[in-house]
PDB file of all heavy atoms in Angstrom:
ATOM      1  N   ILE A   1      -5.647  -3.602   2.487  1.00  0.00           N
ATOM      2  CA  ILE A   1      -5.350  -2.168   2.539  1.00  0.00           C
ATOM      3  C   ILE A   1      -6.406  -1.378   1.768  1.00  0.00           C
ATOM      4  O   ILE A   1      -6.913  -0.359   2.243  1.00  0.00           O
ATOM      5  CB  ILE A   1      -3.943  -1.887   1.981  1.00  0.00           C
ATOM      6  CG1 ILE A   1      -2.877  -2.350   2.976  1.00  0.00           C
ATOM      7  CG2 ILE A   1      -3.759  -0.387   1.697  1.00  0.00           C
ATOM      8  CD1 ILE A   1      -1.467  -2.320   2.427  1.00  0.00           C
ATOM      9  N   ASP A   2      -6.742  -1.848   0.566  1.00  0.00           N
ATOM     10  CA  ASP A   2      -7.747  -1.151  -0.244  1.00  0.00           C
ATOM     11  C   ASP A   2      -9.101  -1.107   0.453  1.00  0.00           C
ATOM     12  O   ASP A   2      -9.799  -0.086   0.432  1.00  0.00           O
ATOM     13  CB  ASP A   2      -7.891  -1.841  -1.602  1.00  0.00           C
ATOM     14  CG  ASP A   2      -6.789  -1.441  -2.580  1.00  0.00           C
ATOM     15  OD1 ASP A   2      -6.124  -0.418  -2.330  1.00  0.00           O
ATOM     16  OD2 ASP A   2      -6.597  -2.153  -3.580  1.00  0.00           O
ATOM     17  N   ALA A   3      -9.480  -2.212   1.080  1.00  0.00           N
ATOM     18  CA  ALA A   3     -10.774  -2.261   1.766  1.00  0.00           C
ATOM     19  C   ALA A   3     -10.817  -1.267   2.926  1.00  0.00           C
ATOM     20  O   ALA A   3     -11.815  -0.572   3.129  1.00  0.00           O
ATOM     21  CB  ALA A   3     -11.038  -3.679   2.273  1.00  0.00           C
ATOM     22  N   ASP A   4      -9.712  -1.179   3.677  1.00  0.00           N
ATOM     23  CA  ASP A   4      -9.685  -0.254   4.808  1.00  0.00           C
ATOM     24  C   ASP A   4      -9.574   1.196   4.347  1.00  0.00           C
ATOM     25  O   ASP A   4     -10.127   2.100   4.986  1.00  0.00           O
ATOM     26  CB  ASP A   4      -8.531  -0.603   5.748  1.00  0.00           C
ATOM     27  CG  ASP A   4      -8.856  -1.775   6.664  1.00  0.00           C
ATOM     28  OD1 ASP A   4      -9.941  -1.761   7.275  1.00  0.00           O
ATOM     29  OD2 ASP A   4      -8.049  -2.697   6.762  1.00  0.00           O
ATOM     30  N   LEU A   5      -8.871   1.432   3.238  1.00  0.00           N
ATOM     31  CA  LEU A   5      -8.828   2.787   2.684  1.00  0.00           C
ATOM     32  C   LEU A   5     -10.217   3.234   2.267  1.00  0.00           C
ATOM     33  O   LEU A   5     -10.597   4.397   2.469  1.00  0.00           O
ATOM     34  CB  LEU A   5      -7.882   2.835   1.479  1.00  0.00           C
ATOM     35  CG  LEU A   5      -6.394   3.002   1.773  1.00  0.00           C
ATOM     36  CD1 LEU A   5      -5.592   2.924   0.478  1.00  0.00           C
ATOM     37  CD2 LEU A   5      -6.107   4.323   2.480  1.00  0.00           C
ATOM     38  N   PHE A   6     -10.990   2.332   1.689  1.00  0.00           N
ATOM     39  CA  PHE A   6     -12.346   2.673   1.276  1.00  0.00           C
ATOM     40  C   PHE A   6     -13.196   3.047   2.478  1.00  0.00           C
ATOM     41  O   PHE A   6     -13.990   3.990   2.439  1.00  0.00           O
ATOM     42  CB  PHE A   6     -12.977   1.493   0.524  1.00  0.00           C
ATOM     43  CG  PHE A   6     -14.339   1.810  -0.040  1.00  0.00           C
ATOM     44  CD1 PHE A   6     -14.456   2.509  -1.231  1.00  0.00           C
ATOM     45  CD2 PHE A   6     -15.489   1.417   0.621  1.00  0.00           C
ATOM     46  CE1 PHE A   6     -15.709   2.816  -1.759  1.00  0.00           C
ATOM     47  CE2 PHE A   6     -16.739   1.718   0.110  1.00  0.00           C
ATOM     48  CZ  PHE A   6     -16.852   2.414  -1.086  1.00  0.00           C
ATOM     49  N   ARG A   7     -13.020   2.314   3.581  1.00  0.00           N
ATOM     50  CA  ARG A   7     -13.780   2.637   4.784  1.00  0.00           C
ATOM     51  C   ARG A   7     -13.371   4.001   5.346  1.00  0.00           C
ATOM     52  O   ARG A   7     -14.196   4.738   5.871  1.00  0.00           O
ATOM     53  CB  ARG A   7     -13.569   1.547   5.849  1.00  0.00           C
ATOM     54  CG  ARG A   7     -14.371   0.287   5.610  1.00  0.00           C
ATOM     55  CD  ARG A   7     -14.504  -0.547   6.877  1.00  0.00           C
ATOM     56  NE  ARG A   7     -13.232  -1.128   7.281  1.00  0.00           N
ATOM     57  CZ  ARG A   7     -12.800  -2.329   6.907  1.00  0.00           C
ATOM     58  NH1 ARG A   7     -13.529  -3.050   6.068  1.00  0.00           N
ATOM     59  NH2 ARG A   7     -11.664  -2.791   7.330  1.00  0.00           N
ATOM     60  N   LEU A   8     -12.080   4.325   5.240  1.00  0.00           N
ATOM     61  CA  LEU A   8     -11.590   5.596   5.782  1.00  0.00           C
ATOM     62  C   LEU A   8     -11.901   6.781   4.878  1.00  0.00           C
ATOM     63  O   LEU A   8     -12.300   7.847   5.339  1.00  0.00           O
ATOM     64  CB  LEU A   8     -10.073   5.525   5.997  1.00  0.00           C
ATOM     65  CG  LEU A   8      -9.573   4.843   7.270  1.00  0.00           C
ATOM     66  CD1 LEU A   8      -8.052   4.709   7.226  1.00  0.00           C
ATOM     67  CD2 LEU A   8      -9.980   5.629   8.509  1.00  0.00           C
ATOM     68  N   LYS A   9     -11.703   6.608   3.559  1.00  0.00           N
ATOM     69  CA  LYS A   9     -11.790   7.712   2.616  1.00  0.00           C
ATOM     70  C   LYS A   9     -13.097   7.743   1.833  1.00  0.00           C
ATOM     71  O   LYS A   9     -13.419   8.759   1.204  1.00  0.00           O
ATOM     72  CB  LYS A   9     -10.612   7.641   1.634  1.00  0.00           C
ATOM     73  CG  LYS A   9      -9.254   7.761   2.297  1.00  0.00           C
ATOM     74  CD  LYS A   9      -8.108   7.385   1.357  1.00  0.00           C
ATOM     75  CE  LYS A   9      -8.019   8.285   0.153  1.00  0.00           C
ATOM     76  NZ  LYS A   9      -6.845   7.964  -0.691  1.00  0.00           N
ATOM     77  N   GLY A  10     -13.811   6.625   1.848  1.00  0.00           N
ATOM     78  CA  GLY A  10     -15.041   6.558   1.066  1.00  0.00           C
ATOM     79  C   GLY A  10     -14.798   6.315  -0.412  1.00  0.00           C
ATOM     80  O   GLY A  10     -15.726   6.403  -1.220  1.00  0.00           O
ATOM     81  N   LYS A  11     -13.563   6.012  -0.770  1.00  0.00           N
ATOM     82  CA  LYS A  11     -13.236   5.736  -2.172  1.00  0.00           C
ATOM     83  C   LYS A  11     -11.947   4.928  -2.223  1.00  0.00           C
ATOM     84  O   LYS A  11     -11.161   4.897  -1.279  1.00  0.00           O
ATOM     85  CB  LYS A  11     -13.058   7.027  -2.965  1.00  0.00           C
ATOM     86  CG  LYS A  11     -11.944   7.921  -2.445  1.00  0.00           C
ATOM     87  CD  LYS A  11     -11.806   9.181  -3.282  1.00  0.00           C
ATOM     88  CE  LYS A  11     -10.646  10.051  -2.762  1.00  0.00           C
ATOM     89  NZ  LYS A  11     -10.492  11.265  -3.578  1.00  0.00           N
ATOM     90  N   MET A  12     -11.736   4.277  -3.351  1.00  0.00           N
ATOM     91  CA  MET A  12     -10.513   3.522  -3.546  1.00  0.00           C
ATOM     92  C   MET A  12      -9.400   4.478  -3.972  1.00  0.00           C
ATOM     93  O   MET A  12      -9.646   5.591  -4.387  1.00  0.00           O
ATOM     94  CB  MET A  12     -10.716   2.445  -4.621  1.00  0.00           C
ATOM     95  CG  MET A  12     -11.855   1.484  -4.339  1.00  0.00           C
ATOM     96  SD  MET A  12     -11.555   0.406  -2.928  1.00  0.00           S
ATOM     97  CE  MET A  12     -10.338  -0.696  -3.630  1.00  0.00           C
ATOM     98  N   GLY A  13      -8.194   4.018  -3.886  1.00  0.00           N
ATOM     99  CA  GLY A  13      -7.087   4.822  -4.385  1.00  0.00           C
ATOM    100  C   GLY A  13      -6.208   5.361  -3.280  1.00  0.00           C
ATOM    101  O   GLY A  13      -6.663   5.643  -2.166  1.00  0.00           O
ATOM    102  N   MET A  14      -4.917   5.532  -3.618  1.00  0.00           N
ATOM    103  CA  MET A  14      -3.948   6.017  -2.648  1.00  0.00           C
ATOM    104  C   MET A  14      -3.578   7.459  -2.994  1.00  0.00           C
ATOM    105  O   MET A  14      -4.421   8.206  -3.482  1.00  0.00           O
ATOM    106  CB  MET A  14      -2.746   5.072  -2.631  1.00  0.00           C
ATOM    107  CG  MET A  14      -3.164   3.602  -2.402  1.00  0.00           C
ATOM    108  SD  MET A  14      -1.816   2.427  -2.307  1.00  0.00           S
ATOM    109  CE  MET A  14      -1.499   2.488  -0.543  1.00  0.00           C
ATOM    110  N   THR A  15      -2.344   7.851  -2.778  1.00  0.00           N
ATOM    111  CA  THR A  15      -1.932   9.212  -3.063  1.00  0.00           C
ATOM    112  C   THR A  15      -2.101   9.545  -4.545  1.00  0.00           C
ATOM    113  O   THR A  15      -1.989   8.672  -5.412  1.00  0.00           O
ATOM    114  CB  THR A  15      -0.451   9.428  -2.673  1.00  0.00           C
ATOM    115  OG1 THR A  15      -0.051  10.758  -3.033  1.00  0.00           O
ATOM    116  CG2 THR A  15       0.464   8.418  -3.369  1.00  0.00           C
ATOM    117  N   ARG A  16      -2.357  10.836  -4.826  1.00  0.00           N
ATOM    118  CA  ARG A  16      -2.493  11.285  -6.214  1.00  0.00           C
ATOM    119  C   ARG A  16      -1.138  11.553  -6.860  1.00  0.00           C
ATOM    120  O   ARG A  16      -1.043  11.792  -8.051  1.00  0.00           O
ATOM    121  CB  ARG A  16      -3.343  12.558  -6.267  1.00  0.00           C
ATOM    122  CG  ARG A  16      -4.798  12.365  -5.871  1.00  0.00           C
ATOM    123  CD  ARG A  16      -5.608  13.618  -6.149  1.00  0.00           C
ATOM    124  NE  ARG A  16      -5.162  14.732  -5.321  1.00  0.00           N
ATOM    125  CZ  ARG A  16      -5.673  15.021  -4.125  1.00  0.00           C
ATOM    126  NH1 ARG A  16      -6.620  14.247  -3.624  1.00  0.00           N
ATOM    127  NH2 ARG A  16      -5.239  16.060  -3.446  1.00  0.00           N
ATOM    128  N   GLU A  17      -0.069  11.504  -6.054  1.00  0.00           N
ATOM    129  CA  GLU A  17       1.255  11.897  -6.550  1.00  0.00           C
ATOM    130  C   GLU A  17       1.885  10.844  -7.466  1.00  0.00           C
ATOM    131  O   GLU A  17       2.669  11.182  -8.354  1.00  0.00           O
ATOM    132  CB  GLU A  17       2.198  12.164  -5.369  1.00  0.00           C
ATOM    133  CG  GLU A  17       1.744  13.291  -4.452  1.00  0.00           C
ATOM    134  CD  GLU A  17       1.675  14.629  -5.181  1.00  0.00           C
ATOM    135  OE1 GLU A  17       2.520  14.861  -6.059  1.00  0.00           O
ATOM    136  OE2 GLU A  17       0.760  15.423  -4.867  1.00  0.00           O
ATOM    137  N   ILE A  18       1.571   9.573  -7.234  1.00  0.00           N
ATOM    138  CA  ILE A  18       2.098   8.503  -8.093  1.00  0.00           C
ATOM    139  C   ILE A  18       0.982   7.500  -8.356  1.00  0.00           C
ATOM    140  O   ILE A  18       0.019   7.421  -7.584  1.00  0.00           O
ATOM    141  CB  ILE A  18       3.319   7.789  -7.456  1.00  0.00           C
ATOM    142  CG1 ILE A  18       2.932   7.113  -6.130  1.00  0.00           C
ATOM    143  CG2 ILE A  18       4.484   8.746  -7.252  1.00  0.00           C
ATOM    144  CD1 ILE A  18       4.052   6.268  -5.537  1.00  0.00           C
ATOM    145  N   PRO A  19       1.084   6.712  -9.433  1.00  0.00           N
ATOM    146  CA  PRO A  19       0.036   5.714  -9.723  1.00  0.00           C
ATOM    147  C   PRO A  19      -0.120   4.708  -8.589  1.00  0.00           C
ATOM    148  O   PRO A  19       0.838   4.376  -7.885  1.00  0.00           O
ATOM    149  CB  PRO A  19       0.552   5.037 -11.001  1.00  0.00           C
ATOM    150  CG  PRO A  19       1.446   6.048 -11.641  1.00  0.00           C
ATOM    151  CD  PRO A  19       2.105   6.781 -10.500  1.00  0.00           C
ATOM    152  N   ASP A  20      -1.350   4.215  -8.442  1.00  0.00           N
ATOM    153  CA  ASP A  20      -1.674   3.303  -7.347  1.00  0.00           C
ATOM    154  C   ASP A  20      -0.808   2.047  -7.344  1.00  0.00           C
ATOM    155  O   ASP A  20      -0.416   1.556  -6.282  1.00  0.00           O
ATOM    156  CB  ASP A  20      -3.150   2.885  -7.433  1.00  0.00           C
ATOM    157  CG  ASP A  20      -4.068   3.894  -6.769  1.00  0.00           C
ATOM    158  OD1 ASP A  20      -3.559   4.916  -6.264  1.00  0.00           O
ATOM    159  OD2 ASP A  20      -5.291   3.666  -6.759  1.00  0.00           O
ATOM    160  N   ASN A  21      -0.524   1.494  -8.540  1.00  0.00           N
ATOM    161  CA  ASN A  21       0.229   0.247  -8.563  1.00  0.00           C
ATOM    162  C   ASN A  21       1.631   0.421  -7.983  1.00  0.00           C
ATOM    163  O   ASN A  21       2.171  -0.474  -7.329  1.00  0.00           O
ATOM    164  CB  ASN A  21       0.296  -0.322  -9.984  1.00  0.00           C
ATOM    165  CG  ASN A  21       0.922   0.634 -10.983  1.00  0.00           C
ATOM    166  OD1 ASN A  21       0.743   1.838 -10.891  1.00  0.00           O
ATOM    167  ND2 ASN A  21       1.617   0.092 -11.971  1.00  0.00           N
ATOM    168  N   PHE A  22       2.235   1.615  -8.171  1.00  0.00           N
ATOM    169  CA  PHE A  22       3.543   1.881  -7.595  1.00  0.00           C
ATOM    170  C   PHE A  22       3.433   2.090  -6.077  1.00  0.00           C
ATOM    171  O   PHE A  22       4.267   1.599  -5.316  1.00  0.00           O
ATOM    172  CB  PHE A  22       4.180   3.118  -8.247  1.00  0.00           C
ATOM    173  CG  PHE A  22       4.646   2.885  -9.655  1.00  0.00           C
ATOM    174  CD1 PHE A  22       3.818   3.176 -10.717  1.00  0.00           C
ATOM    175  CD2 PHE A  22       5.908   2.350  -9.913  1.00  0.00           C
ATOM    176  CE1 PHE A  22       4.238   2.957 -12.029  1.00  0.00           C
ATOM    177  CE2 PHE A  22       6.331   2.133 -11.213  1.00  0.00           C
ATOM    178  CZ  PHE A  22       5.494   2.436 -12.268  1.00  0.00           C
ATOM    179  N   ALA A  23       2.402   2.832  -5.667  1.00  0.00           N
ATOM    180  CA  ALA A  23       2.213   3.088  -4.233  1.00  0.00           C
ATOM    181  C   ALA A  23       1.963   1.783  -3.477  1.00  0.00           C
ATOM    182  O   ALA A  23       2.521   1.552  -2.402  1.00  0.00           O
ATOM    183  CB  ALA A  23       1.042   4.048  -4.020  1.00  0.00           C
ATOM    184  N   HIS A  24       1.134   0.926  -4.049  1.00  0.00           N
ATOM    185  CA  HIS A  24       0.872  -0.386  -3.437  1.00  0.00           C
ATOM    186  C   HIS A  24       2.172  -1.160  -3.257  1.00  0.00           C
ATOM    187  O   HIS A  24       2.451  -1.698  -2.186  1.00  0.00           O
ATOM    188  CB  HIS A  24      -0.068  -1.212  -4.333  1.00  0.00           C
ATOM    189  CG  HIS A  24      -1.515  -0.969  -4.086  1.00  0.00           C
ATOM    190  ND1 HIS A  24      -2.380  -0.567  -5.076  1.00  0.00           N
ATOM    191  CD2 HIS A  24      -2.273  -1.086  -2.967  1.00  0.00           C
ATOM    192  CE1 HIS A  24      -3.594  -0.443  -4.588  1.00  0.00           C
ATOM    193  NE2 HIS A  24      -3.569  -0.746  -3.307  1.00  0.00           N
ATOM    194  N   LYS A  25       2.952  -1.221  -4.328  1.00  0.00           N
ATOM    195  CA  LYS A  25       4.167  -2.032  -4.305  1.00  0.00           C
ATOM    196  C   LYS A  25       5.166  -1.493  -3.297  1.00  0.00           C
ATOM    197  O   LYS A  25       5.828  -2.275  -2.584  1.00  0.00           O
ATOM    198  CB  LYS A  25       4.798  -2.051  -5.702  1.00  0.00           C
ATOM    199  CG  LYS A  25       5.911  -3.087  -5.848  1.00  0.00           C
ATOM    200  CD  LYS A  25       5.357  -4.497  -5.733  1.00  0.00           C
ATOM    201  CE  LYS A  25       6.444  -5.541  -5.947  1.00  0.00           C
ATOM    202  NZ  LYS A  25       5.934  -6.916  -5.797  1.00  0.00           N
ATOM    203  N   ILE A  26       5.303  -0.174  -3.204  1.00  0.00           N
ATOM    204  CA  ILE A  26       6.240   0.427  -2.254  1.00  0.00           C
ATOM    205  C   ILE A  26       5.866   0.060  -0.826  1.00  0.00           C
ATOM    206  O   ILE A  26       6.713  -0.324  -0.015  1.00  0.00           O
ATOM    207  CB  ILE A  26       6.283   1.956  -2.431  1.00  0.00           C
ATOM    208  CG1 ILE A  26       6.967   2.319  -3.759  1.00  0.00           C
ATOM    209  CG2 ILE A  26       7.015   2.621  -1.260  1.00  0.00           C
ATOM    210  CD1 ILE A  26       6.817   3.762  -4.149  1.00  0.00           C
ATOM    211  N   ILE A  27       4.589   0.162  -0.498  1.00  0.00           N
ATOM    212  CA  ILE A  27       4.128  -0.125   0.866  1.00  0.00           C
ATOM    213  C   ILE A  27       4.274  -1.608   1.196  1.00  0.00           C
ATOM    214  O   ILE A  27       4.856  -1.985   2.208  1.00  0.00           O
ATOM    215  CB  ILE A  27       2.664   0.324   1.046  1.00  0.00           C
ATOM    216  CG1 ILE A  27       2.572   1.845   1.010  1.00  0.00           C
ATOM    217  CG2 ILE A  27       2.089  -0.220   2.360  1.00  0.00           C
ATOM    218  CD1 ILE A  27       1.155   2.380   1.008  1.00  0.00           C
ATOM    219  N   VAL A  28       3.755  -2.459   0.323  1.00  0.00           N
ATOM    220  CA  VAL A  28       3.708  -3.893   0.613  1.00  0.00           C
ATOM    221  C   VAL A  28       5.090  -4.528   0.541  1.00  0.00           C
ATOM    222  O   VAL A  28       5.458  -5.337   1.396  1.00  0.00           O
ATOM    223  CB  VAL A  28       2.723  -4.594  -0.341  1.00  0.00           C
ATOM    224  CG1 VAL A  28       2.794  -6.092  -0.164  1.00  0.00           C
ATOM    225  CG2 VAL A  28       1.300  -4.103  -0.080  1.00  0.00           C
ATOM    226  N   SER A  29       5.880  -4.181  -0.470  1.00  0.00           N
ATOM    227  CA  SER A  29       7.203  -4.788  -0.592  1.00  0.00           C
ATOM    228  C   SER A  29       8.113  -4.351   0.550  1.00  0.00           C
ATOM    229  O   SER A  29       8.997  -5.108   0.976  1.00  0.00           O
ATOM    230  CB  SER A  29       7.837  -4.433  -1.936  1.00  0.00           C
ATOM    231  OG  SER A  29       8.064  -3.042  -2.056  1.00  0.00           O
ATOM    232  N   GLY A  30       7.892  -3.142   1.069  1.00  0.00           N
ATOM    233  CA  GLY A  30       8.661  -2.697   2.232  1.00  0.00           C
ATOM    234  C   GLY A  30       8.399  -3.568   3.448  1.00  0.00           C
ATOM    235  O   GLY A  30       9.329  -3.962   4.159  1.00  0.00           O
ATOM    236  N   LEU A  31       7.141  -3.892   3.673  1.00  0.00           N
ATOM    237  CA  LEU A  31       6.783  -4.783   4.777  1.00  0.00           C
ATOM    238  C   LEU A  31       7.388  -6.170   4.591  1.00  0.00           C
ATOM    239  O   LEU A  31       7.983  -6.737   5.509  1.00  0.00           O
ATOM    240  CB  LEU A  31       5.254  -4.901   4.872  1.00  0.00           C
ATOM    241  CG  LEU A  31       4.476  -3.672   5.327  1.00  0.00           C
ATOM    242  CD1 LEU A  31       2.988  -3.886   5.094  1.00  0.00           C
ATOM    243  CD2 LEU A  31       4.743  -3.377   6.793  1.00  0.00           C
ATOM    244  N   MET A  32       7.251  -6.703   3.381  1.00  0.00           N
ATOM    245  CA  MET A  32       7.757  -8.040   3.099  1.00  0.00           C
ATOM    246  C   MET A  32       9.274  -8.100   3.217  1.00  0.00           C
ATOM    247  O   MET A  32       9.831  -9.099   3.679  1.00  0.00           O
ATOM    248  CB  MET A  32       7.323  -8.483   1.701  1.00  0.00           C
ATOM    249  CG  MET A  32       5.831  -8.738   1.549  1.00  0.00           C
ATOM    250  SD  MET A  32       5.217 -10.056   2.651  1.00  0.00           S
ATOM    251  CE  MET A  32       6.141 -11.463   2.012  1.00  0.00           C
ATOM    252  N   SER A  33       9.955  -7.037   2.808  1.00  0.00           N
ATOM    253  CA  SER A  33      11.422  -7.031   2.865  1.00  0.00           C
ATOM    254  C   SER A  33      11.921  -7.124   4.296  1.00  0.00           C
ATOM    255  O   SER A  33      12.878  -7.842   4.587  1.00  0.00           O
ATOM    256  CB  SER A  33      11.970  -5.767   2.193  1.00  0.00           C
ATOM    257  OG  SER A  33      11.698  -5.774   0.808  1.00  0.00           O
ATOM    258  N   ILE A  34      11.283  -6.389   5.206  1.00  0.00           N
ATOM    259  CA  ILE A  34      11.680  -6.438   6.617  1.00  0.00           C
ATOM    260  C   ILE A  34      11.495  -7.855   7.159  1.00  0.00           C
ATOM    261  O   ILE A  34      12.377  -8.396   7.837  1.00  0.00           O
ATOM    262  CB  ILE A  34      10.861  -5.423   7.437  1.00  0.00           C
ATOM    263  CG1 ILE A  34      11.260  -3.998   7.049  1.00  0.00           C
ATOM    264  CG2 ILE A  34      11.087  -5.646   8.949  1.00  0.00           C
ATOM    265  CD1 ILE A  34      10.352  -2.932   7.622  1.00  0.00           C
ATOM    266  N   ILE A  35      10.366  -8.455   6.864  1.00  0.00           N
ATOM    267  CA  ILE A  35      10.085  -9.806   7.354  1.00  0.00           C
ATOM    268  C   ILE A  35      11.066 -10.815   6.760  1.00  0.00           C
ATOM    269  O   ILE A  35      11.576 -11.699   7.463  1.00  0.00           O
ATOM    270  CB  ILE A  35       8.629 -10.192   7.032  1.00  0.00           C
ATOM    271  CG1 ILE A  35       7.670  -9.353   7.889  1.00  0.00           C
ATOM    272  CG2 ILE A  35       8.392 -11.681   7.282  1.00  0.00           C
ATOM    273  CD1 ILE A  35       6.218  -9.467   7.508  1.00  0.00           C
ATOM    274  N   LYS A  36      11.384 -10.690   5.477  1.00  0.00           N
ATOM    275  CA  LYS A  36      12.292 -11.634   4.832  1.00  0.00           C
ATOM    276  C   LYS A  36      13.718 -11.512   5.366  1.00  0.00           C
ATOM    277  O   LYS A  36      14.417 -12.520   5.509  1.00  0.00           O
ATOM    278  CB  LYS A  36      12.263 -11.434   3.318  1.00  0.00           C
ATOM    279  CG  LYS A  36      10.977 -11.948   2.678  1.00  0.00           C
ATOM    280  CD  LYS A  36      10.947 -11.687   1.190  1.00  0.00           C
ATOM    281  CE  LYS A  36      11.960 -12.530   0.454  1.00  0.00           C
ATOM    282  NZ  LYS A  36      11.893 -12.307  -1.015  1.00  0.00           N
ATOM    283  N   VAL A  37      14.156 -10.291   5.649  1.00  0.00           N
ATOM    284  CA  VAL A  37      15.482 -10.115   6.259  1.00  0.00           C
ATOM    285  C   VAL A  37      15.517 -10.802   7.609  1.00  0.00           C
ATOM    286  O   VAL A  37      16.478 -11.501   7.959  1.00  0.00           O
ATOM    287  CB  VAL A  37      15.825  -8.620   6.391  1.00  0.00           C
ATOM    288  CG1 VAL A  37      17.068  -8.422   7.275  1.00  0.00           C
ATOM    289  CG2 VAL A  37      16.080  -8.001   5.026  1.00  0.00           C
ATOM    290  N   TRP A  38      14.457 -10.627   8.386  1.00  0.00           N
ATOM    291  CA  TRP A  38      14.351 -11.254   9.708  1.00  0.00           C
ATOM    292  C   TRP A  38      14.390 -12.777   9.593  1.00  0.00           C
ATOM    293  O   TRP A  38      15.101 -13.459  10.343  1.00  0.00           O
ATOM    294  CB  TRP A  38      13.056 -10.798  10.372  1.00  0.00           C
ATOM    295  CG  TRP A  38      12.885 -11.189  11.803  1.00  0.00           C
ATOM    296  CD1 TRP A  38      13.835 -11.158  12.795  1.00  0.00           C
ATOM    297  CD2 TRP A  38      11.678 -11.646  12.424  1.00  0.00           C
ATOM    298  NE1 TRP A  38      13.286 -11.560  13.993  1.00  0.00           N
ATOM    299  CE2 TRP A  38      11.977 -11.865  13.794  1.00  0.00           C
ATOM    300  CE3 TRP A  38      10.386 -11.875  11.965  1.00  0.00           C
ATOM    301  CZ2 TRP A  38      11.005 -12.318  14.695  1.00  0.00           C
ATOM    302  CZ3 TRP A  38       9.426 -12.310  12.856  1.00  0.00           C
ATOM    303  CH2 TRP A  38       9.742 -12.531  14.207  1.00  0.00           C
ATOM    304  N   LEU A  39      13.635 -13.316   8.634  1.00  0.00           N
ATOM    305  CA  LEU A  39      13.607 -14.760   8.423  1.00  0.00           C
ATOM    306  C   LEU A  39      14.981 -15.279   7.991  1.00  0.00           C
ATOM    307  O   LEU A  39      15.450 -16.302   8.473  1.00  0.00           O
ATOM    308  CB  LEU A  39      12.571 -15.117   7.352  1.00  0.00           C
ATOM    309  CG  LEU A  39      11.092 -14.913   7.709  1.00  0.00           C
ATOM    310  CD1 LEU A  39      10.222 -15.039   6.467  1.00  0.00           C
ATOM    311  CD2 LEU A  39      10.634 -15.903   8.768  1.00  0.00           C
TER     312      LEU A  39
END
């Protein structure tokens, strides 16, 4: 995700509204939760 954001935005980092570590966790854990429920 970070690598593709850099290609799109020209810089690292996600939204300015919350720290990156929280934004990362919200996005990634959401994906993992859906897959784990399915499994």
